[in-house]
Each structure stands twice: as C-alpha cells, then as structure tokens.
Amino acid sequence: MLDGIFIGATRTRDMRNAMIFSLAVFLIAMTVLQPIYGNHGLWAALMIFMAARAASLGFLYRGLLRSLDRAS
C-alpha cells in the first residue's frame, strides 16, 4: 500500500532512500544471523528487511502528509 502512495505522490526518491536503508539493515542481519542459524537466519533476515522497509516508509509517510497539508 505504501508503494502505491509514494508512487502516486511522485516521491520515488523517498522510496529509493527507504530501500537503501532497508538493504543495509538486511545485509547486517544476514551477516549476523545466517552463519548462526543457516537457512533460518537467512529467512529471518528477509523478515527483518521487510519490517525495516515498512518502518522506513511509514516514517517518511508522515513527512509526505505534512508536505501535503502545507500545500493545501
């Protein structure tokens, strides 16, 4: 849902930045979890990636709403 909101608002730069942040979180989680837990660690790192992406887009969503309030 957040992807559609950001694409519709033409805020693809925010989406890119959220993805870069989420990728960094994923790589750290994978580096830590995969050697310890194997395949389960890799799946856990993927779930952490998805949570980081949702959290970062949710954080940026508040700024999007503030900018729309100022424009009205």
PDB file of N, CA and C in Angstrom:
ATOM      1  N   MET A   1       0.815  -1.165   0.000  1.00  0.00           N
ATOM      2  CA  MET A   1       0.000   0.000   0.000  1.00  0.00           C
ATOM      3  C   MET A   1       0.878   1.255   0.000  1.00  0.00           C
ATOM      4  N   LEU A   2       1.923   1.242   0.804  1.00  0.00           N
ATOM      5  CA  LEU A   2       2.787   2.421   0.862  1.00  0.00           C
ATOM      6  C   LEU A   2       3.487   2.673  -0.467  1.00  0.00           C
ATOM      7  N   ASP A   3       3.828   1.610  -1.187  1.00  0.00           N
ATOM      8  CA  ASP A   3       4.437   1.795  -2.513  1.00  0.00           C
ATOM      9  C   ASP A   3       3.507   2.595  -3.415  1.00  0.00           C
ATOM     10  N   GLY A   4       2.238   2.239  -3.435  1.00  0.00           N
ATOM     11  CA  GLY A   4       1.275   2.948  -4.270  1.00  0.00           C
ATOM     12  C   GLY A   4       1.116   4.401  -3.864  1.00  0.00           C
ATOM     13  N   ILE A   5       1.142   4.665  -2.569  1.00  0.00           N
ATOM     14  CA  ILE A   5       1.020   6.042  -2.095  1.00  0.00           C
ATOM     15  C   ILE A   5       2.212   6.866  -2.556  1.00  0.00           C
ATOM     16  N   PHE A   6       3.418   6.322  -2.387  1.00  0.00           N
ATOM     17  CA  PHE A   6       4.615   7.074  -2.761  1.00  0.00           C
ATOM     18  C   PHE A   6       4.740   7.232  -4.275  1.00  0.00           C
ATOM     19  N   ILE A   7       4.345   6.225  -5.037  1.00  0.00           N
ATOM     20  CA  ILE A   7       4.385   6.345  -6.494  1.00  0.00           C
ATOM     21  C   ILE A   7       3.360   7.378  -6.956  1.00  0.00           C
ATOM     22  N   GLY A   8       2.167   7.324  -6.390  1.00  0.00           N
ATOM     23  CA  GLY A   8       1.134   8.286  -6.759  1.00  0.00           C
ATOM     24  C   GLY A   8       1.502   9.715  -6.403  1.00  0.00           C
ATOM     25  N   ALA A   9       2.250   9.880  -5.318  1.00  0.00           N
ATOM     26  CA  ALA A   9       2.673  11.222  -4.899  1.00  0.00           C
ATOM     27  C   ALA A   9       3.980  11.632  -5.580  1.00  0.00           C
ATOM     28  N   THR A  10       4.459  10.820  -6.494  1.00  0.00           N
ATOM     29  CA  THR A  10       5.735  11.019  -7.213  1.00  0.00           C
ATOM     30  C   THR A  10       6.889  11.257  -6.249  1.00  0.00           C
ATOM     31  N   ARG A  11       6.946  10.443  -5.200  1.00  0.00           N
ATOM     32  CA  ARG A  11       8.026  10.511  -4.214  1.00  0.00           C
ATOM     33  C   ARG A  11       8.926   9.277  -4.346  1.00  0.00           C
ATOM     34  N   THR A  12       9.394   9.016  -5.549  1.00  0.00           N
ATOM     35  CA  THR A  12      10.231   7.843  -5.769  1.00  0.00           C
ATOM     36  C   THR A  12      11.595   7.988  -5.109  1.00  0.00           C
ATOM     37  N   ARG A  13      12.062   9.216  -4.898  1.00  0.00           N
ATOM     38  CA  ARG A  13      13.341   9.414  -4.216  1.00  0.00           C
ATOM     39  C   ARG A  13      13.250   8.894  -2.772  1.00  0.00           C
ATOM     40  N   ASP A  14      12.120   9.143  -2.116  1.00  0.00           N
ATOM     41  CA  ASP A  14      11.922   8.631  -0.766  1.00  0.00           C
ATOM     42  C   ASP A  14      11.891   7.104  -0.760  1.00  0.00           C
ATOM     43  N   MET A  15      11.259   6.519  -1.786  1.00  0.00           N
ATOM     44  CA  MET A  15      11.222   5.056  -1.883  1.00  0.00           C
ATOM     45  C   MET A  15      12.630   4.490  -2.060  1.00  0.00           C
ATOM     46  N   ARG A  16      13.432   5.145  -2.903  1.00  0.00           N
ATOM     47  CA  ARG A  16      14.810   4.696  -3.115  1.00  0.00           C
ATOM     48  C   ARG A  16      15.600   4.755  -1.811  1.00  0.00           C
ATOM     49  N   ASN A  17      15.471   5.860  -1.088  1.00  0.00           N
ATOM     50  CA  ASN A  17      16.216   6.011   0.156  1.00  0.00           C
ATOM     51  C   ASN A  17      15.788   4.984   1.202  1.00  0.00           C
ATOM     52  N   ALA A  18      14.497   4.701   1.267  1.00  0.00           N
ATOM     53  CA  ALA A  18      13.999   3.684   2.192  1.00  0.00           C
ATOM     54  C   ALA A  18      14.540   2.307   1.815  1.00  0.00           C
ATOM     55  N   MET A  19      14.632   2.033   0.523  1.00  0.00           N
ATOM     56  CA  MET A  19      15.148   0.741   0.077  1.00  0.00           C
ATOM     57  C   MET A  19      16.633   0.608   0.377  1.00  0.00           C
ATOM     58  N   ILE A  20      17.395   1.665   0.214  1.00  0.00           N
ATOM     59  CA  ILE A  20      18.829   1.619   0.519  1.00  0.00           C
ATOM     60  C   ILE A  20      19.035   1.373   2.013  1.00  0.00           C
ATOM     61  N   PHE A  21      18.265   2.076   2.851  1.00  0.00           N
ATOM     62  CA  PHE A  21      18.346   1.857   4.295  1.00  0.00           C
ATOM     63  C   PHE A  21      17.980   0.416   4.638  1.00  0.00           C
ATOM     64  N   SER A  22      16.900  -0.090   4.041  1.00  0.00           N
ATOM     65  CA  SER A  22      16.445  -1.453   4.318  1.00  0.00           C
ATOM     66  C   SER A  22      17.456  -2.484   3.844  1.00  0.00           C
ATOM     67  N   LEU A  23      18.107  -2.212   2.724  1.00  0.00           N
ATOM     68  CA  LEU A  23      19.145  -3.117   2.234  1.00  0.00           C
ATOM     69  C   LEU A  23      20.304  -3.187   3.219  1.00  0.00           C
ATOM     70  N   ALA A  24      20.697  -2.043   3.768  1.00  0.00           N
ATOM     71  CA  ALA A  24      21.787  -2.031   4.757  1.00  0.00           C
ATOM     72  C   ALA A  24      21.399  -2.835   5.988  1.00  0.00           C
ATOM     73  N   VAL A  25      20.162  -2.676   6.444  1.00  0.00           N
ATOM     74  CA  VAL A  25      19.687  -3.447   7.597  1.00  0.00           C
ATOM     75  C   VAL A  25      19.685  -4.935   7.266  1.00  0.00           C
ATOM     76  N   PHE A  26      19.235  -5.301   6.067  1.00  0.00           N
ATOM     77  CA  PHE A  26      19.215  -6.698   5.648  1.00  0.00           C
ATOM     78  C   PHE A  26      20.613  -7.295   5.618  1.00  0.00           C
ATOM     79  N   LEU A  27      21.560  -6.565   5.040  1.00  0.00           N
ATOM     80  CA  LEU A  27      22.917  -7.099   4.937  1.00  0.00           C
ATOM     81  C   LEU A  27      23.537  -7.325   6.312  1.00  0.00           C
ATOM     82  N   ILE A  28      23.283  -6.408   7.231  1.00  0.00           N
ATOM     83  CA  ILE A  28      23.786  -6.588   8.600  1.00  0.00           C
ATOM     84  C   ILE A  28      23.124  -7.800   9.253  1.00  0.00           C
ATOM     85  N   ALA A  29      21.801  -7.904   9.126  1.00  0.00           N
ATOM     86  CA  ALA A  29      21.081  -9.030   9.721  1.00  0.00           C
ATOM     87  C   ALA A  29      21.521 -10.349   9.105  1.00  0.00           C
ATOM     88  N   MET A  30      21.716 -10.374   7.803  1.00  0.00           N
ATOM     89  CA  MET A  30      22.145 -11.600   7.143  1.00  0.00           C
ATOM     90  C   MET A  30      23.542 -12.003   7.591  1.00  0.00           C
ATOM     91  N   THR A  31      24.432 -11.018   7.706  1.00  0.00           N
ATOM     92  CA  THR A  31      25.798 -11.300   8.119  1.00  0.00           C
ATOM     93  C   THR A  31      25.838 -11.882   9.525  1.00  0.00           C
ATOM     94  N   VAL A  32      24.938 -11.412  10.380  1.00  0.00           N
ATOM     95  CA  VAL A  32      24.919 -11.891  11.760  1.00  0.00           C
ATOM     96  C   VAL A  32      24.156 -13.211  11.890  1.00  0.00           C
ATOM     97  N   LEU A  33      22.980 -13.298  11.289  1.00  0.00           N
ATOM     98  CA  LEU A  33      22.085 -14.429  11.529  1.00  0.00           C
ATOM     99  C   LEU A  33      22.385 -15.669  10.688  1.00  0.00           C
ATOM    100  N   GLN A  34      22.789 -15.493   9.456  1.00  0.00           N
ATOM    101  CA  GLN A  34      22.972 -16.642   8.563  1.00  0.00           C
ATOM    102  C   GLN A  34      24.061 -17.605   9.038  1.00  0.00           C
ATOM    103  N   PRO A  35      25.224 -17.135   9.486  1.00  0.00           N
ATOM    104  CA  PRO A  35      26.217 -18.102   9.963  1.00  0.00           C
ATOM    105  C   PRO A  35      25.767 -18.872  11.209  1.00  0.00           C
ATOM    106  N   ILE A  36      24.938 -18.244  12.032  1.00  0.00           N
ATOM    107  CA  ILE A  36      24.499 -18.891  13.271  1.00  0.00           C
ATOM    108  C   ILE A  36      23.356 -19.870  13.017  1.00  0.00           C
ATOM    109  N   TYR A  37      22.349 -19.429  12.254  1.00  0.00           N
ATOM    110  CA  TYR A  37      21.129 -20.209  12.081  1.00  0.00           C
ATOM    111  C   TYR A  37      20.958 -20.813  10.696  1.00  0.00           C
ATOM    112  N   GLY A  38      21.896 -20.597   9.806  1.00  0.00           N
ATOM    113  CA  GLY A  38      21.806 -21.156   8.465  1.00  0.00           C
ATOM    114  C   GLY A  38      20.652 -20.569   7.670  1.00  0.00           C
ATOM    115  N   ASN A  39      19.864 -21.457   7.041  1.00  0.00           N
ATOM    116  CA  ASN A  39      18.762 -21.015   6.193  1.00  0.00           C
ATOM    117  C   ASN A  39      17.699 -20.265   6.999  1.00  0.00           C
ATOM    118  N   HIS A  40      17.474 -20.673   8.234  1.00  0.00           N
ATOM    119  CA  HIS A  40      16.500 -19.964   9.079  1.00  0.00           C
ATOM    120  C   HIS A  40      16.963 -18.528   9.333  1.00  0.00           C
ATOM    121  N   GLY A  41      18.253 -18.326   9.487  1.00  0.00           N
ATOM    122  CA  GLY A  41      18.789 -16.985   9.666  1.00  0.00           C
ATOM    123  C   GLY A  41      18.594 -16.122   8.436  1.00  0.00           C
ATOM    124  N   LEU A  42      18.731 -16.738   7.259  1.00  0.00           N
ATOM    125  CA  LEU A  42      18.502 -16.006   6.016  1.00  0.00           C
ATOM    126  C   LEU A  42      17.048 -15.562   5.904  1.00  0.00           C
ATOM    127  N   TRP A  43      16.110 -16.453   6.250  1.00  0.00           N
ATOM    128  CA  TRP A  43      14.691 -16.085   6.222  1.00  0.00           C
ATOM    129  C   TRP A  43      14.381 -15.026   7.269  1.00  0.00           C
ATOM    130  N   ALA A  44      15.008 -15.120   8.434  1.00  0.00           N
ATOM    131  CA  ALA A  44      14.801 -14.096   9.468  1.00  0.00           C
ATOM    132  C   ALA A  44      15.317 -12.745   8.983  1.00  0.00           C
ATOM    133  N   ALA A  45      16.453 -12.746   8.298  1.00  0.00           N
ATOM    134  CA  ALA A  45      16.991 -11.503   7.745  1.00  0.00           C
ATOM    135  C   ALA A  45      16.035 -10.916   6.709  1.00  0.00           C
ATOM    136  N   LEU A  46      15.390 -11.766   5.922  1.00  0.00           N
ATOM    137  CA  LEU A  46      14.403 -11.277   4.951  1.00  0.00           C
ATOM    138  C   LEU A  46      13.210 -10.639   5.652  1.00  0.00           C
ATOM    139  N   MET A  47      12.743 -11.255   6.738  1.00  0.00           N
ATOM    140  CA  MET A  47      11.633 -10.678   7.501  1.00  0.00           C
ATOM    141  C   MET A  47      12.038  -9.342   8.141  1.00  0.00           C
ATOM    142  N   ILE A  48      13.274  -9.259   8.600  1.00  0.00           N
ATOM    143  CA  ILE A  48      13.789  -8.006   9.162  1.00  0.00           C
ATOM    144  C   ILE A  48      13.861  -6.945   8.070  1.00  0.00           C
ATOM    145  N   PHE A  49      14.263  -7.340   6.868  1.00  0.00           N
ATOM    146  CA  PHE A  49      14.290  -6.417   5.734  1.00  0.00           C
ATOM    147  C   PHE A  49      12.907  -5.844   5.458  1.00  0.00           C
ATOM    148  N   MET A  50      11.901  -6.718   5.416  1.00  0.00           N
ATOM    149  CA  MET A  50      10.537  -6.261   5.150  1.00  0.00           C
ATOM    150  C   MET A  50      10.039  -5.327   6.254  1.00  0.00           C
ATOM    151  N   ALA A  51      10.364  -5.640   7.503  1.00  0.00           N
ATOM    152  CA  ALA A  51       9.956  -4.777   8.613  1.00  0.00           C
ATOM    153  C   ALA A  51      10.668  -3.430   8.539  1.00  0.00           C
ATOM    154  N   ALA A  52      11.948  -3.438   8.195  1.00  0.00           N
ATOM    155  CA  ALA A  52      12.704  -2.187   8.073  1.00  0.00           C
ATOM    156  C   ALA A  52      12.155  -1.343   6.933  1.00  0.00           C
ATOM    157  N   ARG A  53      11.767  -1.967   5.849  1.00  0.00           N
ATOM    158  CA  ARG A  53      11.206  -1.227   4.709  1.00  0.00           C
ATOM    159  C   ARG A  53       9.869  -0.602   5.068  1.00  0.00           C
ATOM    160  N   ALA A  54       9.015  -1.368   5.745  1.00  0.00           N
ATOM    161  CA  ALA A  54       7.723  -0.828   6.169  1.00  0.00           C
ATOM    162  C   ALA A  54       7.911   0.301   7.176  1.00  0.00           C
ATOM    163  N   ALA A  55       8.830   0.125   8.113  1.00  0.00           N
ATOM    164  CA  ALA A  55       9.059   1.159   9.124  1.00  0.00           C
ATOM    165  C   ALA A  55       9.631   2.432   8.497  1.00  0.00           C
ATOM    166  N   SER A  56      10.571   2.275   7.575  1.00  0.00           N
ATOM    167  CA  SER A  56      11.175   3.463   6.964  1.00  0.00           C
ATOM    168  C   SER A  56      10.172   4.199   6.069  1.00  0.00           C
ATOM    169  N   LEU A  57       9.359   3.466   5.318  1.00  0.00           N
ATOM    170  CA  LEU A  57       8.328   4.123   4.506  1.00  0.00           C
ATOM    171  C   LEU A  57       7.253   4.741   5.391  1.00  0.00           C
ATOM    172  N   GLY A  58       6.925   4.091   6.494  1.00  0.00           N
ATOM    173  CA  GLY A  58       5.961   4.665   7.429  1.00  0.00           C
ATOM    174  C   GLY A  58       6.471   5.957   8.035  1.00  0.00           C
ATOM    175  N   PHE A  59       7.756   6.001   8.345  1.00  0.00           N
ATOM    176  CA  PHE A  59       8.364   7.215   8.876  1.00  0.00           C
ATOM    177  C   PHE A  59       8.325   8.332   7.841  1.00  0.00           C
ATOM    178  N   LEU A  60       8.657   8.003   6.600  1.00  0.00           N
ATOM    179  CA  LEU A  60       8.640   9.002   5.538  1.00  0.00           C
ATOM    180  C   LEU A  60       7.222   9.425   5.166  1.00  0.00           C
ATOM    181  N   TYR A  61       6.255   8.570   5.418  1.00  0.00           N
ATOM    182  CA  TYR A  61       4.860   8.876   5.114  1.00  0.00           C
ATOM    183  C   TYR A  61       4.368  10.078   5.926  1.00  0.00           C
ATOM    184  N   ARG A  62       4.829  10.177   7.182  1.00  0.00           N
ATOM    185  CA  ARG A  62       4.434  11.326   7.999  1.00  0.00           C
ATOM    186  C   ARG A  62       4.910  12.631   7.372  1.00  0.00           C
ATOM    187  N   GLY A  63       6.135  12.638   6.839  1.00  0.00           N
ATOM    188  CA  GLY A  63       6.641  13.825   6.160  1.00  0.00           C
ATOM    189  C   GLY A  63       5.857  14.130   4.892  1.00  0.00           C
ATOM    190  N   LEU A  64       5.430  13.099   4.192  1.00  0.00           N
ATOM    191  CA  LEU A  64       4.607  13.288   2.996  1.00  0.00           C
ATOM    192  C   LEU A  64       3.277  13.950   3.364  1.00  0.00           C
ATOM    193  N   LEU A  65       2.659  13.485   4.440  1.00  0.00           N
ATOM    194  CA  LEU A  65       1.393  14.076   4.864  1.00  0.00           C
ATOM    195  C   LEU A  65       1.564  15.531   5.279  1.00  0.00           C
ATOM    196  N   ARG A  66       2.668  15.832   5.979  1.00  0.00           N
ATOM    197  CA  ARG A  66       2.930  17.227   6.382  1.00  0.00           C
ATOM    198  C   ARG A  66       3.109  18.121   5.171  1.00  0.00           C
ATOM    199  N   SER A  67       3.805  17.627   4.144  1.00  0.00           N
ATOM    200  CA  SER A  67       4.021  18.450   2.952  1.00  0.00           C
ATOM    201  C   SER A  67       2.709  18.671   2.191  1.00  0.00           C
ATOM    202  N   LEU A  68       1.809  17.702   2.230  1.00  0.00           N
ATOM    203  CA  LEU A  68       0.517  17.873   1.581  1.00  0.00           C
ATOM    204  C   LEU A  68      -0.362  18.851   2.348  1.00  0.00           C
ATOM    205  N   ASP A  69      -0.246  18.850   3.680  1.00  0.00           N
ATOM    206  CA  ASP A  69      -1.022  19.815   4.482  1.00  0.00           C
ATOM    207  C   ASP A  69      -0.574  21.234   4.187  1.00  0.00           C
ATOM    208  N   ARG A  70       0.718  21.442   4.009  1.00  0.00           N
ATOM    209  CA  ARG A  70       1.222  22.769   3.698  1.00  0.00           C
ATOM    210  C   ARG A  70       0.777  23.225   2.316  1.00  0.00           C
ATOM    211  N   ALA A  71       0.642  22.278   1.373  1.00  0.00           N
ATOM    212  CA  ALA A  71       0.265  22.624   0.006  1.00  0.00           C
ATOM    213  C   ALA A  71      -1.209  23.008  -0.105  1.00  0.00           C
ATOM    214  N   SER A  72      -2.032  22.561   0.830  1.00  0.00           N
ATOM    215  CA  SER A  72      -3.473  22.842   0.731  1.00  0.00           C
ATOM    216  C   SER A  72      -3.824  24.232   1.155  1.00  0.00           C
TER     217      SER A  72
END
